[in-house]
N, C-alpha and C. Protein backbone atom coordinates (compact mmCIF):
# COMPACT_ATOMS: atom_id res chain seq x y z
N MET A 1 -9.91 51.18 -15.37
CA MET A 1 -9.97 50.29 -16.50
C MET A 1 -10.08 48.86 -15.98
N SER A 2 -11.01 48.15 -16.45
CA SER A 2 -11.24 46.78 -15.97
C SER A 2 -10.29 45.82 -16.68
N TYR A 3 -10.01 44.72 -16.00
CA TYR A 3 -9.13 43.70 -16.54
C TYR A 3 -9.93 42.79 -17.45
N SER A 4 -9.45 42.56 -18.65
CA SER A 4 -10.21 41.76 -19.60
C SER A 4 -9.64 40.35 -19.79
N GLY A 5 -8.85 39.90 -18.84
CA GLY A 5 -8.24 38.57 -18.94
C GLY A 5 -9.24 37.48 -18.61
N PRO A 6 -8.78 36.25 -18.55
CA PRO A 6 -9.67 35.14 -18.22
C PRO A 6 -10.22 35.30 -16.81
N PRO A 7 -11.42 34.82 -16.57
CA PRO A 7 -12.07 35.04 -15.26
C PRO A 7 -11.34 34.34 -14.12
N ALA A 8 -10.61 33.26 -14.36
CA ALA A 8 -9.94 32.54 -13.28
C ALA A 8 -8.78 33.36 -12.71
N ALA A 9 -8.21 34.26 -13.48
CA ALA A 9 -7.06 35.02 -13.03
C ALA A 9 -7.47 36.28 -12.28
N ARG A 10 -8.72 36.65 -12.30
CA ARG A 10 -9.14 37.91 -11.68
C ARG A 10 -9.41 37.79 -10.19
N GLY A 11 -9.98 36.69 -9.75
CA GLY A 11 -10.47 36.61 -8.38
C GLY A 11 -9.39 36.57 -7.32
N HIS A 12 -8.27 35.93 -7.54
CA HIS A 12 -7.29 35.76 -6.48
C HIS A 12 -6.19 36.81 -6.49
N LEU A 13 -6.17 37.72 -7.43
CA LEU A 13 -5.14 38.74 -7.48
C LEU A 13 -5.59 39.95 -6.68
N ARG A 14 -4.92 40.19 -5.55
CA ARG A 14 -5.25 41.35 -4.73
C ARG A 14 -3.97 42.00 -4.27
N LEU A 15 -4.00 43.28 -4.05
CA LEU A 15 -2.83 43.98 -3.55
C LEU A 15 -2.66 43.70 -2.07
N ALA A 16 -1.43 43.57 -1.65
CA ALA A 16 -1.16 43.32 -0.23
C ALA A 16 -1.30 44.61 0.55
N GLY A 17 -1.90 44.52 1.69
CA GLY A 17 -2.07 45.67 2.57
C GLY A 17 -0.83 45.89 3.42
N PRO A 18 -0.84 46.91 4.23
CA PRO A 18 0.31 47.17 5.11
C PRO A 18 0.46 46.05 6.14
N PRO A 19 1.69 45.76 6.57
CA PRO A 19 1.87 44.69 7.55
C PRO A 19 1.23 45.04 8.89
N VAL A 20 0.73 44.04 9.53
CA VAL A 20 0.09 44.24 10.83
C VAL A 20 1.18 44.35 11.88
N GLU A 21 1.14 45.41 12.67
CA GLU A 21 2.15 45.60 13.70
C GLU A 21 1.76 44.79 14.93
N ARG A 22 2.69 43.96 15.35
CA ARG A 22 2.45 43.17 16.56
C ARG A 22 3.48 43.58 17.60
N ARG A 23 3.02 43.95 18.72
CA ARG A 23 3.92 44.34 19.80
C ARG A 23 3.97 43.22 20.83
N ARG A 24 5.15 42.99 21.33
CA ARG A 24 5.26 42.01 22.41
C ARG A 24 4.77 42.65 23.68
N VAL A 25 4.26 41.82 24.54
CA VAL A 25 3.61 42.34 25.75
C VAL A 25 4.63 43.01 26.68
N SER A 26 5.71 42.31 27.00
CA SER A 26 6.65 42.87 27.97
C SER A 26 8.06 42.85 27.39
N GLU A 27 8.28 43.56 26.33
CA GLU A 27 9.58 43.61 25.67
C GLU A 27 10.30 44.88 26.11
N SER A 28 10.73 44.90 27.35
CA SER A 28 11.41 46.08 27.87
C SER A 28 12.92 45.97 27.62
N ARG A 29 13.62 47.06 27.83
CA ARG A 29 15.07 47.06 27.61
C ARG A 29 15.77 46.16 28.61
N ALA A 30 15.28 46.10 29.82
CA ALA A 30 15.90 45.25 30.83
C ALA A 30 15.80 43.78 30.43
N LEU A 31 14.65 43.39 29.89
CA LEU A 31 14.47 42.00 29.46
C LEU A 31 15.38 41.69 28.27
N LEU A 32 15.52 42.64 27.35
CA LEU A 32 16.42 42.44 26.22
C LEU A 32 17.87 42.31 26.67
N MET A 33 18.29 43.13 27.64
CA MET A 33 19.64 43.03 28.17
C MET A 33 19.86 41.70 28.88
N LEU A 34 18.86 41.23 29.59
CA LEU A 34 18.96 39.94 30.27
C LEU A 34 19.11 38.81 29.27
N ARG A 35 18.32 38.84 28.21
CA ARG A 35 18.42 37.80 27.17
C ARG A 35 19.78 37.85 26.49
N ALA A 36 20.32 39.03 26.21
CA ALA A 36 21.63 39.16 25.58
C ALA A 36 22.73 38.65 26.51
N THR A 37 22.60 38.93 27.80
CA THR A 37 23.59 38.46 28.77
C THR A 37 23.58 36.94 28.86
N VAL A 38 22.41 36.35 28.87
CA VAL A 38 22.31 34.89 28.91
C VAL A 38 22.91 34.27 27.66
N ALA A 39 22.70 34.90 26.51
CA ALA A 39 23.27 34.39 25.27
C ALA A 39 24.79 34.48 25.29
N VAL A 40 25.35 35.57 25.82
CA VAL A 40 26.80 35.72 25.90
C VAL A 40 27.40 34.69 26.86
N VAL A 41 26.76 34.48 27.99
CA VAL A 41 27.25 33.50 28.97
C VAL A 41 27.22 32.10 28.36
N ALA A 42 26.15 31.76 27.64
CA ALA A 42 26.07 30.45 27.01
C ALA A 42 27.15 30.29 25.94
N LEU A 43 27.42 31.34 25.19
CA LEU A 43 28.45 31.28 24.16
C LEU A 43 29.84 31.10 24.78
N VAL A 44 30.12 31.81 25.85
CA VAL A 44 31.41 31.67 26.53
C VAL A 44 31.56 30.27 27.12
N PHE A 45 30.50 29.76 27.71
CA PHE A 45 30.53 28.41 28.28
C PHE A 45 30.80 27.36 27.20
N LEU A 46 30.12 27.45 26.08
CA LEU A 46 30.33 26.47 25.01
C LEU A 46 31.72 26.59 24.40
N THR A 47 32.26 27.81 24.33
CA THR A 47 33.61 27.99 23.82
C THR A 47 34.63 27.35 24.75
N LEU A 48 34.48 27.57 26.05
CA LEU A 48 35.38 26.95 27.02
C LEU A 48 35.28 25.43 26.97
N LEU A 49 34.08 24.92 26.83
CA LEU A 49 33.88 23.48 26.74
C LEU A 49 34.57 22.91 25.50
N ALA A 50 34.52 23.63 24.39
CA ALA A 50 35.18 23.17 23.17
C ALA A 50 36.70 23.19 23.34
N TRP A 51 37.26 24.23 23.96
CA TRP A 51 38.70 24.29 24.18
C TRP A 51 39.16 23.17 25.10
N ILE A 52 38.42 22.92 26.16
CA ILE A 52 38.80 21.87 27.11
C ILE A 52 38.73 20.50 26.45
N SER A 53 37.68 20.25 25.68
CA SER A 53 37.55 18.94 25.04
C SER A 53 38.63 18.73 23.97
N SER A 54 39.02 19.79 23.26
CA SER A 54 40.11 19.63 22.28
C SER A 54 41.44 19.39 22.98
N ALA A 55 41.66 20.02 24.13
CA ALA A 55 42.89 19.78 24.89
C ALA A 55 42.93 18.35 25.41
N ILE A 56 41.81 17.84 25.87
CA ILE A 56 41.74 16.45 26.35
C ILE A 56 41.99 15.48 25.20
N ALA A 57 41.50 15.81 24.02
CA ALA A 57 41.70 14.93 22.87
C ALA A 57 43.17 14.90 22.43
N LEU A 58 43.93 15.96 22.69
CA LEU A 58 45.33 16.02 22.29
C LEU A 58 46.30 15.52 23.36
N ILE A 59 45.81 15.14 24.52
CA ILE A 59 46.68 14.65 25.59
C ILE A 59 47.49 13.42 25.16
N PRO A 60 46.92 12.42 24.47
CA PRO A 60 47.75 11.27 24.07
C PRO A 60 48.93 11.64 23.18
N VAL A 61 48.80 12.65 22.37
CA VAL A 61 49.91 13.07 21.51
C VAL A 61 51.05 13.61 22.37
N ALA A 62 50.75 14.41 23.36
CA ALA A 62 51.78 14.95 24.24
C ALA A 62 52.33 13.87 25.17
N TRP A 63 51.52 12.93 25.57
CA TRP A 63 51.94 11.89 26.50
C TRP A 63 52.95 10.94 25.87
N ARG A 64 52.69 10.51 24.65
CA ARG A 64 53.58 9.56 23.98
C ARG A 64 54.74 10.24 23.28
N ARG A 65 54.70 11.52 23.19
CA ARG A 65 55.70 12.29 22.46
C ARG A 65 55.82 11.75 21.04
N ALA A 66 54.69 11.61 20.42
CA ALA A 66 54.65 11.07 19.07
C ALA A 66 55.31 12.05 18.13
N PRO A 67 56.08 11.55 17.18
CA PRO A 67 56.72 12.46 16.23
C PRO A 67 55.68 13.07 15.30
N VAL A 68 55.75 14.34 15.17
CA VAL A 68 54.81 15.03 14.31
C VAL A 68 55.58 15.53 13.10
N GLY A 69 55.27 15.00 11.93
CA GLY A 69 55.93 15.43 10.72
C GLY A 69 57.29 14.80 10.48
N VAL A 70 57.70 13.81 11.29
CA VAL A 70 58.99 13.15 11.13
C VAL A 70 58.73 11.66 10.95
N ARG A 71 59.40 11.04 10.01
CA ARG A 71 59.24 9.60 9.80
C ARG A 71 60.09 8.84 10.79
N LEU A 72 59.59 7.69 11.24
CA LEU A 72 60.35 6.89 12.17
C LEU A 72 61.52 6.18 11.49
N ARG A 73 61.28 5.56 10.34
CA ARG A 73 62.32 4.85 9.60
C ARG A 73 62.51 5.54 8.26
N PRO A 74 63.76 5.78 7.87
CA PRO A 74 63.94 6.38 6.54
C PRO A 74 63.58 5.37 5.46
N LEU A 75 63.10 5.86 4.37
CA LEU A 75 62.73 4.99 3.26
C LEU A 75 63.98 4.51 2.54
N ARG A 76 63.87 3.31 1.92
CA ARG A 76 64.98 2.80 1.12
C ARG A 76 65.20 3.72 -0.08
N ALA A 77 66.46 3.75 -0.50
CA ALA A 77 66.74 4.51 -1.71
C ALA A 77 66.11 3.77 -2.88
N ARG A 78 65.45 4.46 -3.71
CA ARG A 78 64.78 3.82 -4.83
C ARG A 78 65.78 3.47 -5.91
N GLU A 79 65.58 2.32 -6.50
CA GLU A 79 66.48 1.88 -7.55
C GLU A 79 65.93 2.34 -8.89
N ALA A 80 66.83 2.87 -9.69
CA ALA A 80 66.42 3.27 -11.02
C ALA A 80 66.76 2.13 -11.97
N ARG A 81 65.78 1.55 -12.60
CA ARG A 81 66.00 0.46 -13.54
C ARG A 81 65.57 0.90 -14.92
N ILE A 82 66.34 0.49 -15.89
CA ILE A 82 65.98 0.81 -17.27
C ILE A 82 65.32 -0.43 -17.85
N ILE A 83 64.13 -0.29 -18.28
CA ILE A 83 63.39 -1.40 -18.87
C ILE A 83 63.45 -1.23 -20.39
N PRO A 84 64.11 -2.15 -21.08
CA PRO A 84 64.23 -1.99 -22.53
C PRO A 84 62.91 -2.29 -23.22
N PHE A 85 62.69 -1.60 -24.32
CA PHE A 85 61.49 -1.87 -25.10
C PHE A 85 61.64 -3.21 -25.80
N GLN A 86 60.55 -3.90 -25.99
CA GLN A 86 60.60 -5.17 -26.73
C GLN A 86 60.79 -4.87 -28.20
N ARG A 87 61.58 -5.72 -28.83
CA ARG A 87 61.79 -5.52 -30.26
C ARG A 87 60.51 -5.86 -31.00
N PRO A 88 60.20 -5.12 -32.03
CA PRO A 88 58.98 -5.46 -32.77
C PRO A 88 59.14 -6.81 -33.45
N ARG A 89 58.10 -7.59 -33.39
CA ARG A 89 58.11 -8.91 -33.99
C ARG A 89 58.05 -8.77 -35.50
N GLU A 90 58.57 -9.78 -36.15
CA GLU A 90 58.52 -9.75 -37.61
C GLU A 90 57.11 -9.99 -38.07
N LYS A 91 56.80 -9.43 -39.19
CA LYS A 91 55.46 -9.56 -39.71
C LYS A 91 55.20 -11.01 -40.10
N ALA A 92 53.97 -11.44 -39.88
CA ALA A 92 53.61 -12.81 -40.23
C ALA A 92 53.58 -12.94 -41.75
N LEU A 93 54.00 -14.07 -42.22
CA LEU A 93 54.01 -14.32 -43.67
C LEU A 93 52.59 -14.63 -44.15
N PRO A 94 52.19 -14.08 -45.26
CA PRO A 94 50.85 -14.41 -45.77
C PRO A 94 50.81 -15.84 -46.27
N ARG A 95 49.70 -16.48 -46.22
CA ARG A 95 49.53 -17.86 -46.65
C ARG A 95 49.29 -17.97 -48.11
């Protein structure tokens, strides 16, 4: 059955064919294992670098023995004051 729609919609509608299989030239198991090993080594190296740099960043805290979570000076006791409301003013007299 032919399509009876507008002519502009007919020309570019085509069914997609099967995907083209592309094989890598030298994708052997040994090469894949080598690439995975290099990725693991790089990940371990970057993790160690992150741990070392975070430890270096925290050295000043341990060196000065800075208080963590403790205030140096206690706060003053707050005073409770009662503020009275202003009395309502008398109504203005009409002229």
